[in-house]
Amino acid sequence: MKTTALMTTSPRQRRITWGFGLAIGIGMIGIGPLFASLWPGFDHSPWDVNTMLLGLGVGLCTVAYIFGRIAVAAVTEGRRSAIAPPTRRAYWVAGGGFALAALCLMIALAS
């Protein structure tokens, strides 16, 4: 089982507190751009701006998922049916979302 540095160096209570706090905070920030890019009644801008908002929202929501998964893994640590920490796939999804947002931001600024 692979773990991140946060999970191996921080005490359990700190992982729970910071994990859930950051998951809720970053998730609340990320859900706005995600819904703004997908909601049918929202004032839609050109495709590159909508795609930038979609990438930003997906990236932030994935980061929130990572912190939430770290916190849940800390809560269930030591139990018989412990939850595993996030795998590398979540980090790839977050990086892809941020890369897509940065690419679409450059396209929007260039045009």
N, C-alpha and C. Protein backbone atom coordinates (compact mmCIF):
# COMPACT_ATOMS: atom_id res chain seq x y z
N MET A 1 0.84 -1.17 0.00
CA MET A 1 0.00 0.00 0.00
C MET A 1 0.89 1.24 0.00
N LYS A 2 0.71 2.11 -0.99
CA LYS A 2 1.51 3.31 -1.10
C LYS A 2 0.83 4.46 -0.35
N THR A 3 1.61 5.23 0.33
CA THR A 3 1.05 6.35 1.08
C THR A 3 1.78 7.62 0.70
N THR A 4 1.15 8.73 0.97
CA THR A 4 1.78 10.02 0.72
C THR A 4 2.57 10.44 1.95
N ALA A 5 3.40 11.45 1.80
CA ALA A 5 4.20 11.93 2.93
C ALA A 5 3.32 12.46 4.05
N LEU A 6 2.19 13.06 3.69
CA LEU A 6 1.27 13.58 4.71
C LEU A 6 0.75 12.45 5.59
N MET A 7 0.51 11.31 5.01
CA MET A 7 -0.06 10.21 5.76
C MET A 7 0.96 9.51 6.64
N THR A 8 2.22 9.56 6.29
CA THR A 8 3.22 8.85 7.08
C THR A 8 3.88 9.71 8.13
N THR A 9 3.85 11.03 7.98
CA THR A 9 4.56 11.90 8.92
C THR A 9 3.65 12.61 9.91
N SER A 10 2.37 12.73 9.62
CA SER A 10 1.46 13.46 10.51
C SER A 10 0.81 12.53 11.51
N PRO A 11 0.53 13.04 12.71
CA PRO A 11 -0.23 12.24 13.67
C PRO A 11 -1.66 12.01 13.18
N ARG A 12 -2.28 10.98 13.70
CA ARG A 12 -3.61 10.58 13.24
C ARG A 12 -4.65 11.69 13.40
N GLN A 13 -4.68 12.34 14.56
CA GLN A 13 -5.68 13.38 14.80
C GLN A 13 -5.50 14.56 13.84
N ARG A 14 -4.26 14.90 13.53
CA ARG A 14 -4.00 16.00 12.59
C ARG A 14 -4.46 15.62 11.18
N ARG A 15 -4.25 14.37 10.77
CA ARG A 15 -4.72 13.92 9.45
C ARG A 15 -6.23 13.98 9.36
N ILE A 16 -6.91 13.63 10.45
CA ILE A 16 -8.37 13.67 10.45
C ILE A 16 -8.86 15.11 10.36
N THR A 17 -8.33 15.99 11.21
CA THR A 17 -8.79 17.38 11.25
C THR A 17 -8.48 18.11 9.95
N TRP A 18 -7.22 18.08 9.53
CA TRP A 18 -6.84 18.80 8.32
C TRP A 18 -7.43 18.16 7.08
N GLY A 19 -7.51 16.85 7.06
CA GLY A 19 -8.07 16.17 5.90
C GLY A 19 -9.52 16.54 5.65
N PHE A 20 -10.34 16.43 6.68
CA PHE A 20 -11.75 16.78 6.50
C PHE A 20 -11.94 18.27 6.28
N GLY A 21 -11.16 19.10 6.98
CA GLY A 21 -11.27 20.55 6.79
C GLY A 21 -10.91 20.98 5.38
N LEU A 22 -9.80 20.48 4.88
CA LEU A 22 -9.39 20.84 3.52
C LEU A 22 -10.31 20.22 2.47
N ALA A 23 -10.81 19.02 2.73
CA ALA A 23 -11.73 18.40 1.78
C ALA A 23 -13.01 19.22 1.64
N ILE A 24 -13.55 19.67 2.75
CA ILE A 24 -14.78 20.47 2.69
C ILE A 24 -14.50 21.84 2.08
N GLY A 25 -13.42 22.50 2.49
CA GLY A 25 -13.11 23.84 1.98
C GLY A 25 -12.80 23.84 0.50
N ILE A 26 -11.92 22.96 0.06
CA ILE A 26 -11.56 22.92 -1.36
C ILE A 26 -12.72 22.41 -2.20
N GLY A 27 -13.48 21.48 -1.67
CA GLY A 27 -14.65 20.98 -2.39
C GLY A 27 -15.71 22.05 -2.60
N MET A 28 -15.90 22.91 -1.60
CA MET A 28 -16.88 24.00 -1.75
C MET A 28 -16.41 25.01 -2.79
N ILE A 29 -15.11 25.22 -2.91
CA ILE A 29 -14.58 26.13 -3.93
C ILE A 29 -14.68 25.48 -5.31
N GLY A 30 -14.39 24.19 -5.41
CA GLY A 30 -14.37 23.51 -6.70
C GLY A 30 -15.73 23.21 -7.28
N ILE A 31 -16.75 23.11 -6.45
CA ILE A 31 -18.07 22.76 -6.96
C ILE A 31 -18.69 23.91 -7.76
N GLY A 32 -18.31 25.15 -7.46
CA GLY A 32 -18.84 26.31 -8.19
C GLY A 32 -18.43 26.32 -9.65
N PRO A 33 -17.13 26.28 -9.97
CA PRO A 33 -16.75 26.24 -11.39
C PRO A 33 -17.26 25.00 -12.11
N LEU A 34 -17.35 23.89 -11.40
CA LEU A 34 -17.83 22.66 -12.02
C LEU A 34 -19.29 22.81 -12.45
N PHE A 35 -20.14 23.30 -11.57
CA PHE A 35 -21.54 23.49 -11.93
C PHE A 35 -21.73 24.63 -12.91
N ALA A 36 -20.92 25.68 -12.81
CA ALA A 36 -21.04 26.80 -13.75
C ALA A 36 -20.74 26.36 -15.17
N SER A 37 -19.85 25.40 -15.33
CA SER A 37 -19.52 24.95 -16.68
C SER A 37 -20.53 23.94 -17.22
N LEU A 38 -21.25 23.26 -16.36
CA LEU A 38 -22.17 22.21 -16.81
C LEU A 38 -23.65 22.57 -16.73
N TRP A 39 -24.01 23.55 -15.92
CA TRP A 39 -25.43 23.87 -15.70
C TRP A 39 -26.04 24.46 -16.97
N PRO A 40 -27.16 23.90 -17.45
CA PRO A 40 -27.72 24.37 -18.72
C PRO A 40 -28.23 25.80 -18.70
N GLY A 41 -28.75 26.28 -17.59
CA GLY A 41 -29.31 27.63 -17.54
C GLY A 41 -28.30 28.72 -17.26
N PHE A 42 -27.06 28.35 -17.01
CA PHE A 42 -26.02 29.32 -16.68
C PHE A 42 -25.59 30.04 -17.96
N ASP A 43 -25.21 31.31 -17.83
CA ASP A 43 -24.74 32.08 -18.98
C ASP A 43 -23.42 31.49 -19.46
N HIS A 44 -23.47 30.78 -20.59
CA HIS A 44 -22.28 30.10 -21.09
C HIS A 44 -21.43 31.02 -21.93
N SER A 45 -20.17 31.01 -21.65
CA SER A 45 -19.18 31.76 -22.40
C SER A 45 -18.69 30.89 -23.55
N PRO A 46 -17.68 31.33 -24.27
CA PRO A 46 -17.12 30.48 -25.32
C PRO A 46 -16.64 29.14 -24.76
N TRP A 47 -16.45 28.18 -25.64
CA TRP A 47 -16.11 26.82 -25.23
C TRP A 47 -14.84 26.77 -24.41
N ASP A 48 -13.86 27.62 -24.71
CA ASP A 48 -12.59 27.53 -23.99
C ASP A 48 -12.74 27.97 -22.54
N VAL A 49 -13.59 28.94 -22.28
CA VAL A 49 -13.81 29.39 -20.90
C VAL A 49 -14.59 28.33 -20.13
N ASN A 50 -15.60 27.73 -20.78
CA ASN A 50 -16.35 26.65 -20.12
C ASN A 50 -15.45 25.47 -19.83
N THR A 51 -14.58 25.13 -20.76
CA THR A 51 -13.67 24.00 -20.54
C THR A 51 -12.66 24.33 -19.45
N MET A 52 -12.22 25.59 -19.38
CA MET A 52 -11.31 26.00 -18.32
C MET A 52 -12.00 25.85 -16.96
N LEU A 53 -13.26 26.29 -16.87
CA LEU A 53 -14.00 26.14 -15.61
C LEU A 53 -14.22 24.67 -15.27
N LEU A 54 -14.47 23.85 -16.28
CA LEU A 54 -14.66 22.42 -16.05
C LEU A 54 -13.36 21.79 -15.53
N GLY A 55 -12.23 22.10 -16.15
CA GLY A 55 -10.95 21.56 -15.69
C GLY A 55 -10.61 22.01 -14.29
N LEU A 56 -10.85 23.29 -13.99
CA LEU A 56 -10.58 23.81 -12.66
C LEU A 56 -11.47 23.14 -11.62
N GLY A 57 -12.75 23.00 -11.94
CA GLY A 57 -13.67 22.34 -11.02
C GLY A 57 -13.33 20.88 -10.78
N VAL A 58 -12.99 20.16 -11.83
CA VAL A 58 -12.62 18.75 -11.68
C VAL A 58 -11.34 18.63 -10.87
N GLY A 59 -10.35 19.50 -11.16
CA GLY A 59 -9.09 19.46 -10.41
C GLY A 59 -9.29 19.73 -8.93
N LEU A 60 -10.06 20.76 -8.60
CA LEU A 60 -10.27 21.10 -7.19
C LEU A 60 -11.11 20.04 -6.48
N CYS A 61 -12.13 19.51 -7.14
CA CYS A 61 -12.94 18.47 -6.51
C CYS A 61 -12.14 17.19 -6.31
N THR A 62 -11.21 16.90 -7.21
CA THR A 62 -10.37 15.72 -7.04
C THR A 62 -9.40 15.91 -5.89
N VAL A 63 -8.86 17.11 -5.74
CA VAL A 63 -7.99 17.40 -4.59
C VAL A 63 -8.78 17.26 -3.29
N ALA A 64 -10.03 17.73 -3.30
CA ALA A 64 -10.88 17.57 -2.13
C ALA A 64 -11.13 16.09 -1.83
N TYR A 65 -11.32 15.29 -2.88
CA TYR A 65 -11.49 13.84 -2.69
C TYR A 65 -10.24 13.22 -2.08
N ILE A 66 -9.06 13.65 -2.53
CA ILE A 66 -7.81 13.11 -2.00
C ILE A 66 -7.70 13.40 -0.50
N PHE A 67 -7.97 14.65 -0.10
CA PHE A 67 -7.89 14.99 1.32
C PHE A 67 -8.96 14.25 2.12
N GLY A 68 -10.15 14.11 1.56
CA GLY A 68 -11.19 13.36 2.26
C GLY A 68 -10.83 11.90 2.42
N ARG A 69 -10.23 11.32 1.40
CA ARG A 69 -9.83 9.91 1.48
C ARG A 69 -8.71 9.72 2.50
N ILE A 70 -7.79 10.69 2.59
CA ILE A 70 -6.74 10.63 3.61
C ILE A 70 -7.36 10.66 5.00
N ALA A 71 -8.37 11.54 5.19
CA ALA A 71 -9.02 11.65 6.50
C ALA A 71 -9.79 10.38 6.85
N VAL A 72 -10.49 9.81 5.88
CA VAL A 72 -11.24 8.59 6.14
C VAL A 72 -10.29 7.44 6.44
N ALA A 73 -9.16 7.39 5.73
CA ALA A 73 -8.16 6.35 6.01
C ALA A 73 -7.60 6.51 7.43
N ALA A 74 -7.46 7.74 7.90
CA ALA A 74 -6.97 7.97 9.26
C ALA A 74 -8.02 7.58 10.29
N VAL A 75 -9.29 7.83 10.00
CA VAL A 75 -10.36 7.47 10.93
C VAL A 75 -10.44 5.96 11.08
N THR A 76 -10.32 5.23 9.99
CA THR A 76 -10.46 3.77 10.04
C THR A 76 -9.13 3.05 10.24
N GLU A 77 -8.09 3.78 10.54
CA GLU A 77 -6.76 3.18 10.73
C GLU A 77 -6.79 2.21 11.91
N GLY A 78 -6.22 1.05 11.72
CA GLY A 78 -6.15 0.07 12.79
C GLY A 78 -7.37 -0.83 12.91
N ARG A 79 -8.41 -0.57 12.15
CA ARG A 79 -9.59 -1.43 12.19
C ARG A 79 -9.41 -2.62 11.26
N ARG A 80 -10.26 -3.59 11.45
CA ARG A 80 -10.18 -4.78 10.61
C ARG A 80 -10.53 -4.48 9.16
N SER A 81 -11.49 -3.61 8.91
CA SER A 81 -11.89 -3.24 7.55
C SER A 81 -11.49 -1.79 7.29
N ALA A 82 -10.20 -1.52 7.33
CA ALA A 82 -9.70 -0.16 7.13
C ALA A 82 -9.84 0.26 5.66
N ILE A 83 -10.09 1.54 5.47
CA ILE A 83 -10.20 2.12 4.12
C ILE A 83 -8.79 2.45 3.64
N ALA A 84 -8.51 2.13 2.40
CA ALA A 84 -7.18 2.38 1.84
C ALA A 84 -7.03 3.86 1.48
N PRO A 85 -5.83 4.39 1.56
CA PRO A 85 -5.59 5.77 1.14
C PRO A 85 -5.74 5.90 -0.37
N PRO A 86 -5.78 7.13 -0.89
CA PRO A 86 -5.98 7.31 -2.33
C PRO A 86 -4.82 6.71 -3.14
N THR A 87 -5.17 6.18 -4.30
CA THR A 87 -4.15 5.65 -5.20
C THR A 87 -3.63 6.76 -6.10
N ARG A 88 -2.74 6.41 -6.99
CA ARG A 88 -2.16 7.43 -7.89
C ARG A 88 -3.17 7.96 -8.90
N ARG A 89 -4.23 7.22 -9.17
CA ARG A 89 -5.21 7.65 -10.16
C ARG A 89 -5.81 9.01 -9.81
N ALA A 90 -6.10 9.24 -8.54
CA ALA A 90 -6.68 10.53 -8.13
C ALA A 90 -5.73 11.67 -8.40
N TYR A 91 -4.44 11.46 -8.19
CA TYR A 91 -3.46 12.50 -8.46
C TYR A 91 -3.35 12.78 -9.96
N TRP A 92 -3.47 11.74 -10.78
CA TRP A 92 -3.44 11.93 -12.23
C TRP A 92 -4.68 12.68 -12.71
N VAL A 93 -5.84 12.41 -12.14
CA VAL A 93 -7.07 13.12 -12.52
C VAL A 93 -6.96 14.59 -12.14
N ALA A 94 -6.46 14.88 -10.94
CA ALA A 94 -6.30 16.27 -10.51
C ALA A 94 -5.30 17.00 -11.41
N GLY A 95 -4.18 16.37 -11.70
CA GLY A 95 -3.19 17.00 -12.58
C GLY A 95 -3.73 17.22 -13.98
N GLY A 96 -4.49 16.27 -14.50
CA GLY A 96 -5.10 16.43 -15.82
C GLY A 96 -6.11 17.56 -15.85
N GLY A 97 -6.90 17.68 -14.80
CA GLY A 97 -7.87 18.78 -14.74
C GLY A 97 -7.19 20.13 -14.70
N PHE A 98 -6.13 20.25 -13.90
CA PHE A 98 -5.41 21.52 -13.83
C PHE A 98 -4.67 21.82 -15.13
N ALA A 99 -4.13 20.79 -15.79
CA ALA A 99 -3.46 21.00 -17.08
C ALA A 99 -4.46 21.44 -18.14
N LEU A 100 -5.64 20.84 -18.14
CA LEU A 100 -6.69 21.25 -19.08
C LEU A 100 -7.12 22.69 -18.81
N ALA A 101 -7.26 23.05 -17.54
CA ALA A 101 -7.64 24.42 -17.20
C ALA A 101 -6.57 25.41 -17.64
N ALA A 102 -5.30 25.09 -17.43
CA ALA A 102 -4.21 25.98 -17.84
C ALA A 102 -4.15 26.12 -19.35
N LEU A 103 -4.33 25.01 -20.08
CA LEU A 103 -4.30 25.06 -21.55
C LEU A 103 -5.44 25.92 -22.08
N CYS A 104 -6.64 25.73 -21.54
CA CYS A 104 -7.78 26.51 -22.01
C CYS A 104 -7.68 27.97 -21.59
N LEU A 105 -7.02 28.26 -20.47
CA LEU A 105 -6.80 29.65 -20.08
C LEU A 105 -5.86 30.32 -21.08
N MET A 106 -4.81 29.60 -21.49
CA MET A 106 -3.89 30.18 -22.49
C MET A 106 -4.59 30.40 -23.82
N ILE A 107 -5.47 29.47 -24.23
CA ILE A 107 -6.22 29.64 -25.48
C ILE A 107 -7.17 30.83 -25.37
N ALA A 108 -7.82 30.97 -24.22
CA ALA A 108 -8.77 32.08 -24.03
C ALA A 108 -8.03 33.42 -24.01
N LEU A 109 -6.85 33.48 -23.42
CA LEU A 109 -6.11 34.73 -23.39
C LEU A 109 -5.50 35.07 -24.74
N ALA A 110 -5.17 34.06 -25.54
CA ALA A 110 -4.56 34.30 -26.84
C ALA A 110 -5.57 34.77 -27.87
N SER A 111 -6.83 34.39 -27.71
CA SER A 111 -7.83 34.78 -28.72
C SER A 111 -8.63 35.99 -28.31
